[in-house]
Amino acid sequence: MEQMISHLMKLGFTELESKCIVVLAENQKMTGYEVAKKLGVSRSNVYATLQTLLDKGMLLSSVGDVTHFHAIPIDEIQGKIQKNMDSSFDFLKQHFPSNVRSLDDFYTIDGEKQVVERITWELHRAEQVILADFWSEEAQLLGDLLLENEKKGVSVLISTVGHVDLPLKSKLIDDREESWQEDGWRKFSFLIDRKVAIIGVRGSNVATKALITEHPALTKLLLNNFFHDVVIHEIMHDMKEELETRYGRNFEEIHRKYTGKGWS
C-alpha cells in the first residue's frame, strides 16, 4: 500500500487523496464513514477529500440512503491525468519564455540520477551528430539511446576506453589501462550537434557530476579533442609497434620530455 501511495503522490495527489484512492480500490464500495474508520482519519477531512476527488473525476459515487464511493480503474485515472497534462503543456509550449538557457552559462549537475536524466534529455534532442567519449562502464547506461539516435539518422561517433558491444557504424575502442582508474573515477564527454557540450566524472570514489554548456570555447575544445583522438587512434593502429619502440608505451617519452614525468 505504501508504494502505491508514494506513486500516486508523485502524480500530484495529496497523501490523504492517495490513501482514499487505494482504500477504495481495495474494496468494491465504501461510505465516507467507512473510509475514515479504515484510515483512522477524521470524517470531516475524509469527506472533504472524497468530494475533491469526485470533482476531479477520480472517483464515482452512488447515492441512496447512504452515499457510497467507488474507485475508477487505474487506466481511467491515467487517461484523465494525461489529458490534463497534455492540455497544460500545450498551453505552456505556446507561452513559456524561450530564452531560458544562456549561451555563455555553465551549468553544473550533481548526482547520478540527475546527470543521467540530463544526458538522456540532450541526446533525445540530437538532430545531426553526437560525438561521445567515455569508458566502457558508461556504455551500459547510454548505449541503447545512442543506437536509437543512429537508427533515426543521427551520425553517432564514439571513442571508448575498453571494449563495448555496441553495433554502431563508427566507434574507436582503445585498450584500457587499469592504472588510469586508480583514483576511482572516469571522465566522460558528449558533444551534441556541435553546440551542446557535456563533460563529467563518474566512479566508485567520486560523486557523479557533470557540466553542460553551449559556450563555443568548450564545444570547440571537445570537437578538437575528439578528432585528435581519431588521428591518434588511426596512427596507433597502423604504426603501433614502431611508435612504442621509439616513444614508449602510451607515448611515455614524449610526456616525460615536456612534463618531466610519464603519463601516470
Protein backbone atom coordinates (compact mmCIF):
# COMPACT_ATOMS: atom_id res chain seq x y z
CA MET A 1 0.00 0.00 0.00
CA GLU A 2 2.79 2.42 0.89
CA GLN A 3 4.36 2.11 -2.54
CA MET A 4 1.06 2.78 -4.29
CA ILE A 5 0.51 5.85 -2.13
CA SER A 6 4.03 7.07 -2.90
CA HIS A 7 3.50 6.74 -6.66
CA LEU A 8 0.10 8.43 -6.53
CA MET A 9 1.67 11.36 -4.67
CA LYS A 10 4.29 11.63 -7.41
CA LEU A 11 1.37 12.07 -9.83
CA GLY A 12 0.15 15.08 -7.86
CA PHE A 13 -2.34 13.63 -5.39
CA THR A 14 -2.09 14.59 -1.73
CA GLU A 15 -1.26 11.90 0.81
CA LEU A 16 -4.87 11.66 2.01
CA GLU A 17 -6.21 11.62 -1.56
CA SER A 18 -3.80 8.80 -2.37
CA LYS A 19 -4.84 6.79 0.67
CA CYS A 20 -8.52 7.21 -0.16
CA ILE A 21 -7.96 6.05 -3.75
CA VAL A 22 -6.06 2.96 -2.63
CA VAL A 23 -8.55 2.02 0.09
CA LEU A 24 -11.48 2.38 -2.31
CA ALA A 25 -9.63 0.38 -4.97
CA GLU A 26 -9.17 -2.43 -2.48
CA ASN A 27 -12.91 -2.52 -1.73
CA GLN A 28 -15.91 -2.55 -4.05
CA LYS A 29 -17.60 0.38 -2.37
CA MET A 30 -17.39 2.25 0.92
CA THR A 31 -19.13 5.07 2.71
CA GLY A 32 -17.17 8.10 3.83
CA TYR A 33 -17.51 6.90 7.41
CA GLU A 34 -16.02 3.50 6.47
CA VAL A 35 -13.11 5.14 4.65
CA ALA A 36 -12.40 7.40 7.64
CA LYS A 37 -12.55 4.46 10.04
CA LYS A 38 -10.24 2.40 7.81
CA LEU A 39 -7.69 5.19 7.59
CA GLY A 40 -8.00 6.43 11.16
CA VAL A 41 -8.62 9.97 9.93
CA SER A 42 -11.36 12.42 10.94
CA ARG A 43 -14.58 12.11 8.95
CA SER A 44 -14.61 15.81 8.06
CA ASN A 45 -11.19 15.58 6.42
CA VAL A 46 -12.08 12.37 4.59
CA TYR A 47 -15.42 13.73 3.31
CA ALA A 48 -13.69 16.90 2.05
CA THR A 49 -11.03 14.81 0.32
CA LEU A 50 -13.58 12.46 -1.27
CA GLN A 51 -15.51 15.46 -2.59
CA THR A 52 -12.31 16.87 -4.09
CA LEU A 53 -11.62 13.54 -5.82
CA LEU A 54 -15.18 13.47 -7.13
CA ASP A 55 -14.75 16.99 -8.52
CA LYS A 56 -11.58 15.85 -10.27
CA GLY A 57 -13.40 12.86 -11.73
CA MET A 58 -11.14 10.42 -9.91
CA LEU A 59 -13.99 8.65 -8.07
CA LEU A 60 -17.61 7.69 -8.62
CA SER A 61 -20.42 7.92 -6.09
CA SER A 62 -23.75 6.15 -5.79
CA VAL A 63 -26.47 7.97 -3.90
CA GLY A 64 -29.12 6.13 -1.89
CA ASP A 65 -29.99 6.11 1.76
CA VAL A 66 -26.23 6.38 2.23
CA THR A 67 -23.69 7.68 -0.30
CA HIS A 68 -21.13 5.11 -1.36
CA PHE A 69 -17.85 5.90 -3.10
CA HIS A 70 -16.27 3.75 -5.80
CA ALA A 71 -12.76 3.75 -7.27
CA ILE A 72 -12.27 4.00 -11.05
CA PRO A 73 -9.78 1.82 -12.97
CA ILE A 74 -6.15 2.96 -12.94
CA ASP A 75 -6.23 3.19 -16.75
CA GLU A 76 -9.00 5.77 -16.46
CA ILE A 77 -7.03 7.70 -13.85
CA GLN A 78 -4.02 7.66 -16.16
CA GLY A 79 -6.09 8.89 -19.10
CA LYS A 80 -7.54 11.80 -17.12
CA ILE A 81 -4.13 12.85 -15.79
CA GLN A 82 -2.54 12.54 -19.22
CA LYS A 83 -5.28 14.61 -20.83
CA ASN A 84 -4.87 17.36 -18.22
CA MET A 85 -1.09 17.31 -18.59
CA ASP A 86 -1.26 17.45 -22.38
CA SER A 87 -3.59 20.42 -22.21
CA SER A 88 -1.34 22.26 -19.75
CA PHE A 89 1.84 21.54 -21.72
CA ASP A 90 0.20 22.64 -24.97
CA PHE A 91 -0.54 25.98 -23.33
CA LEU A 92 2.94 26.29 -21.79
CA LYS A 93 4.70 25.47 -25.07
CA GLN A 94 2.91 28.40 -26.65
CA HIS A 95 3.55 30.88 -23.86
CA PHE A 96 6.68 29.72 -21.99
CA PRO A 97 9.70 32.05 -22.42
CA SER A 98 12.18 30.56 -24.89
CA ASN A 99 15.36 32.24 -23.61
CA VAL A 100 15.70 30.07 -20.51
CA ARG A 101 19.30 28.96 -21.16
CA SER A 102 22.06 31.41 -21.97
CA LEU A 103 24.78 30.51 -24.47
CA ASP A 104 27.56 31.68 -22.18
CA ASP A 105 26.46 29.99 -18.96
CA PHE A 106 27.99 26.86 -17.46
CA TYR A 107 25.52 24.64 -15.61
CA THR A 108 26.57 22.03 -13.06
CA ILE A 109 24.55 18.92 -12.34
CA ASP A 110 25.12 16.76 -9.25
CA GLY A 111 24.03 13.19 -8.62
CA GLU A 112 23.77 10.03 -10.69
CA LYS A 113 20.04 10.30 -11.41
CA GLN A 114 20.12 13.97 -12.38
CA VAL A 115 23.21 13.59 -14.59
CA VAL A 116 21.86 10.56 -16.45
CA GLU A 117 18.49 12.25 -16.95
CA ARG A 118 20.12 15.40 -18.36
CA ILE A 119 22.36 13.45 -20.74
CA THR A 120 19.37 11.37 -21.84
CA TRP A 121 17.32 14.51 -22.50
CA GLU A 122 20.07 16.18 -24.52
CA LEU A 123 20.69 13.01 -26.56
CA HIS A 124 16.97 12.80 -27.34
CA ARG A 125 17.21 16.32 -28.78
CA ALA A 126 20.11 15.47 -31.10
CA GLU A 127 19.40 16.13 -34.77
CA GLN A 128 22.66 15.78 -36.68
CA VAL A 129 25.68 14.40 -34.86
CA ILE A 130 26.75 13.03 -31.48
CA LEU A 131 30.41 12.76 -30.51
CA ALA A 132 30.86 10.74 -27.32
CA ASP A 133 33.94 9.82 -25.31
CA PHE A 134 33.54 7.52 -22.31
CA TRP A 135 34.70 4.35 -20.58
CA SER A 136 33.03 1.02 -21.26
CA GLU A 137 31.09 1.27 -17.97
CA GLU A 138 29.15 4.28 -19.25
CA ALA A 139 28.13 2.40 -22.40
CA GLN A 140 25.90 0.24 -20.19
CA LEU A 141 23.91 3.35 -19.25
CA LEU A 142 23.54 5.09 -22.60
CA GLY A 143 24.32 2.53 -25.29
CA ASP A 144 20.69 1.86 -26.23
CA LEU A 145 19.98 5.58 -26.60
CA LEU A 146 22.99 6.04 -28.89
CA LEU A 147 21.75 3.18 -31.06
CA GLU A 148 18.28 4.76 -31.23
CA ASN A 149 19.84 8.03 -32.42
CA GLU A 150 21.78 6.28 -35.18
CA LYS A 151 18.62 4.48 -36.33
CA LYS A 152 16.78 7.80 -36.67
CA GLY A 153 19.56 9.21 -38.84
CA VAL A 154 21.82 10.99 -36.36
CA SER A 155 25.54 10.45 -37.01
CA VAL A 156 26.96 8.84 -33.87
CA LEU A 157 30.72 8.61 -33.33
CA ILE A 158 32.06 7.22 -30.07
CA SER A 159 35.51 6.83 -28.58
CA THR A 160 35.70 4.39 -25.69
CA VAL A 161 38.23 3.22 -23.17
CA GLY A 162 37.65 -0.52 -23.04
CA HIS A 163 35.60 -2.78 -25.30
CA VAL A 164 31.88 -2.13 -25.80
CA ASP A 165 29.36 -4.30 -27.63
CA LEU A 166 27.53 -1.55 -29.46
CA PRO A 167 26.82 -2.20 -33.16
CA LEU A 168 27.40 1.42 -34.14
CA LYS A 169 28.83 2.33 -37.54
CA SER A 170 31.65 4.48 -36.16
CA LYS A 171 33.47 3.68 -32.94
CA LEU A 172 37.04 3.89 -31.72
CA ILE A 173 37.96 1.41 -29.00
CA ASP A 174 41.16 1.94 -27.04
CA ASP A 175 42.72 -0.60 -24.70
CA ARG A 176 42.22 0.38 -21.09
CA GLU A 177 44.98 0.80 -18.56
CA GLU A 178 43.60 -0.09 -15.15
CA SER A 179 46.22 2.17 -13.56
CA TRP A 180 44.37 5.10 -15.11
CA GLN A 181 41.49 4.41 -12.74
CA GLU A 182 43.47 4.23 -9.51
CA ASP A 183 41.81 7.42 -8.33
CA GLY A 184 38.41 5.73 -8.60
CA TRP A 185 36.87 7.98 -11.25
CA ARG A 186 36.30 8.05 -15.01
CA LYS A 187 35.69 11.04 -17.26
CA PHE A 188 33.06 11.22 -19.97
CA SER A 189 32.05 13.81 -22.54
CA PHE A 190 29.35 14.36 -25.16
CA LEU A 191 29.19 16.94 -27.93
CA ILE A 192 25.72 17.16 -29.44
CA ASP A 193 25.16 18.82 -32.83
CA ARG A 194 28.48 20.62 -32.22
CA LYS A 195 26.72 23.09 -29.94
CA VAL A 196 25.90 21.37 -26.61
CA ALA A 197 28.85 20.14 -24.55
CA ILE A 198 28.56 17.84 -21.55
CA ILE A 199 31.61 16.77 -19.55
CA GLY A 200 31.67 14.95 -16.26
CA VAL A 201 33.04 12.32 -13.93
CA ARG A 202 31.65 9.09 -12.55
CA GLY A 203 33.16 6.29 -10.49
CA SER A 204 33.38 4.40 -7.25
CA ASN A 205 35.22 7.04 -5.22
CA VAL A 206 33.65 10.22 -6.58
CA ALA A 207 30.16 11.66 -6.74
CA THR A 208 28.72 11.76 -10.25
CA LYS A 209 28.92 15.31 -11.57
CA ALA A 210 28.58 16.96 -14.95
CA LEU A 211 28.88 20.36 -16.57
CA ILE A 212 26.71 21.40 -19.51
CA THR A 213 27.19 24.44 -21.70
CA GLU A 214 26.79 25.85 -25.19
CA HIS A 215 29.84 28.09 -24.78
CA PRO A 216 31.71 27.97 -28.12
CA ALA A 217 35.12 27.77 -26.46
CA LEU A 218 34.27 24.48 -24.76
CA THR A 219 32.33 22.98 -27.67
CA LYS A 220 35.29 23.73 -29.95
CA LEU A 221 37.68 22.22 -27.41
CA LEU A 222 35.68 18.97 -27.28
CA LEU A 223 35.47 18.86 -31.07
CA ASN A 224 39.24 19.29 -31.43
CA ASN A 225 39.91 16.75 -28.70
CA PHE A 226 37.67 14.17 -30.34
CA PHE A 227 39.28 14.45 -33.73
CA HIS A 228 42.72 14.45 -32.09
CA ASP A 229 41.70 11.04 -30.67
CA VAL A 230 40.62 9.94 -34.15
CA VAL A 231 44.03 10.82 -35.61
CA ILE A 232 45.98 9.16 -32.79
CA HIS A 233 43.78 6.06 -32.99
CA GLU A 234 44.45 5.63 -36.70
CA ILE A 235 48.19 6.25 -36.36
CA MET A 236 48.45 3.77 -33.49
CA HIS A 237 46.50 1.21 -35.50
CA ASP A 238 48.91 1.48 -38.42
CA MET A 239 52.22 2.06 -36.61
CA LYS A 240 51.78 0.84 -33.03
CA GLU A 241 54.94 -1.25 -32.69
CA GLU A 242 57.19 1.37 -34.31
CA LEU A 243 55.76 4.17 -32.16
CA GLU A 244 56.08 2.17 -28.92
CA THR A 245 59.69 1.32 -29.76
CA ARG A 246 60.54 4.96 -30.37
CA TYR A 247 58.38 6.75 -27.78
CA GLY A 248 57.46 4.07 -25.24
CA ARG A 249 54.06 2.73 -24.24
CA ASN A 250 51.35 5.40 -24.41
CA PHE A 251 53.99 7.88 -25.65
CA GLU A 252 55.61 7.97 -22.22
CA GLU A 253 58.84 9.50 -23.50
CA ILE A 254 57.01 12.41 -25.13
CA HIS A 255 55.10 13.14 -21.93
CA ARG A 256 58.33 12.96 -19.93
CA LYS A 257 60.07 15.37 -22.32
CA TYR A 258 57.53 18.13 -21.68
CA THR A 259 56.38 17.44 -18.12
CA GLY A 260 59.33 15.69 -16.52
CA LYS A 261 57.23 12.60 -15.85
CA GLY A 262 55.30 9.94 -17.73
CA TRP A 263 51.60 9.62 -18.31
CA SER A 264 50.85 8.12 -14.92
